């Protein structure tokens, strides 16, 4: 599980992408990203999450997001990413899905 904090924008997204992919070695990568500490998420951040989800899918793994604030959840809804990515309301729910 990785806890993400602060702003995820064009400045911070590349480092986040490297960190996320490093935490998802094949085969069967499973990663929970706790976004409770994220105050802002740009399109660059969404792109990193999409690439990580594709990486997980290509290697028969799972990327699960949890802890979205209402502001970040709204970004996912508006962009349509809430229907593309796996999002859980709580860490416990995400942990159950990751191990199942």
Protein backbone atom coordinates (compact mmCIF):
# COMPACT_ATOMS: atom_id res chain seq x y z
CA UNK A 1 0.00 0.00 0.00
CA UNK A 2 1.21 3.45 -0.87
CA UNK A 3 -0.14 6.57 0.81
CA UNK A 4 -0.14 9.58 -1.49
CA UNK A 5 -0.11 13.12 -0.07
CA UNK A 6 -0.28 16.67 -1.34
CA UNK A 7 -0.68 17.72 -4.93
CA UNK A 8 -0.47 15.32 -7.86
CA UNK A 9 0.17 17.55 -10.85
CA UNK A 10 2.52 17.89 -13.81
CA UNK A 11 5.44 18.55 -11.45
CA UNK A 12 4.89 15.62 -9.07
CA UNK A 13 3.22 13.07 -11.37
CA UNK A 14 6.40 11.72 -13.02
CA UNK A 15 7.98 10.81 -9.66
CA UNK A 16 4.69 9.28 -8.52
CA UNK A 17 4.55 7.20 -11.70
CA UNK A 18 8.02 5.82 -11.08
CA UNK A 19 7.19 5.04 -7.46
CA UNK A 20 3.93 3.30 -8.34
CA UNK A 21 5.43 1.17 -11.12
CA UNK A 22 8.37 0.21 -8.89
CA UNK A 23 5.85 -1.04 -6.32
CA UNK A 24 4.14 -3.23 -8.96
CA UNK A 25 6.65 -5.81 -10.19
CA UNK A 26 5.21 -8.54 -12.44
CA UNK A 27 3.77 -11.10 -12.31
CA UNK A 28 0.45 -10.41 -10.60
CA UNK A 29 1.20 -6.95 -9.20
CA UNK A 30 -1.22 -5.83 -6.52
CA UNK A 31 -1.17 -2.32 -5.17
CA UNK A 32 -3.49 -0.19 -3.10
CA UNK A 33 -3.08 3.55 -3.40
CA UNK A 34 -4.52 5.46 -0.45
CA UNK A 35 -5.35 8.92 -1.77
CA UNK A 36 -6.77 10.30 1.48
CA UNK A 37 -3.93 12.82 1.70
CA UNK A 38 -4.29 14.09 -1.86
CA UNK A 39 -5.54 17.67 -1.95
CA UNK A 40 -5.33 18.18 -5.72
CA UNK A 41 -5.22 15.82 -8.70
CA UNK A 42 -4.58 17.07 -12.24
CA UNK A 43 -4.90 15.34 -15.58
CA UNK A 44 -1.22 14.41 -15.28
CA UNK A 45 -2.06 12.54 -12.08
CA UNK A 46 -4.98 10.80 -13.75
CA UNK A 47 -2.66 9.71 -16.55
CA UNK A 48 -0.23 8.15 -14.06
CA UNK A 49 -3.08 6.22 -12.44
CA UNK A 50 -4.38 5.04 -15.81
CA UNK A 51 -0.93 3.83 -16.87
CA UNK A 52 -0.53 2.00 -13.55
CA UNK A 53 -3.93 0.35 -13.97
CA UNK A 54 -3.00 -0.77 -17.48
CA UNK A 55 0.29 -2.14 -16.18
CA UNK A 56 -1.58 -4.13 -13.54
CA UNK A 57 -4.06 -5.47 -16.10
CA UNK A 58 -1.30 -6.49 -18.52
CA UNK A 59 0.34 -8.55 -15.78
CA UNK A 60 -2.85 -10.05 -14.31
CA UNK A 61 -2.68 -7.80 -11.26
CA UNK A 62 -4.81 -5.19 -9.51
CA UNK A 63 -4.56 -1.49 -8.80
CA UNK A 64 -7.04 -0.35 -6.19
CA UNK A 65 -7.62 3.22 -5.05
CA UNK A 66 -9.13 4.22 -1.73
CA UNK A 67 -9.62 7.21 0.54
CA UNK A 68 -10.67 9.72 -2.10
CA UNK A 69 -11.70 13.09 -0.72
CA UNK A 70 -14.87 14.58 -2.14
CA UNK A 71 -12.79 16.98 -4.27
CA UNK A 72 -10.67 14.17 -5.75
CA UNK A 73 -13.71 11.91 -6.18
CA UNK A 74 -15.34 14.68 -8.18
CA UNK A 75 -12.34 14.79 -10.54
CA UNK A 76 -12.73 11.04 -11.08
CA UNK A 77 -16.47 11.41 -11.74
CA UNK A 78 -16.11 14.31 -14.17
CA UNK A 79 -13.29 12.63 -16.09
CA UNK A 80 -15.07 9.27 -16.25
CA UNK A 81 -12.17 7.56 -14.49
CA UNK A 82 -14.46 6.35 -11.71
CA UNK A 83 -15.85 3.80 -14.17
CA UNK A 84 -12.38 2.78 -15.42
CA UNK A 85 -10.43 2.39 -12.17
CA UNK A 86 -11.21 0.27 -9.12
CA UNK A 87 -12.12 2.60 -6.26
CA UNK A 88 -13.03 1.54 -2.73
CA UNK A 89 -14.40 3.71 0.03
CA UNK A 90 -12.13 2.42 2.78
CA UNK A 91 -8.74 0.80 3.26
CA UNK A 92 -10.38 -2.30 4.69
CA UNK A 93 -12.56 -2.68 1.63
CA UNK A 94 -9.49 -2.20 -0.63
CA UNK A 95 -7.49 -4.77 1.36
CA UNK A 96 -10.31 -7.29 1.04
CA UNK A 97 -10.51 -6.76 -2.70
CA UNK A 98 -6.73 -6.95 -3.15
CA UNK A 99 -6.45 -10.28 -1.38
CA UNK A 100 -9.56 -11.78 -2.92
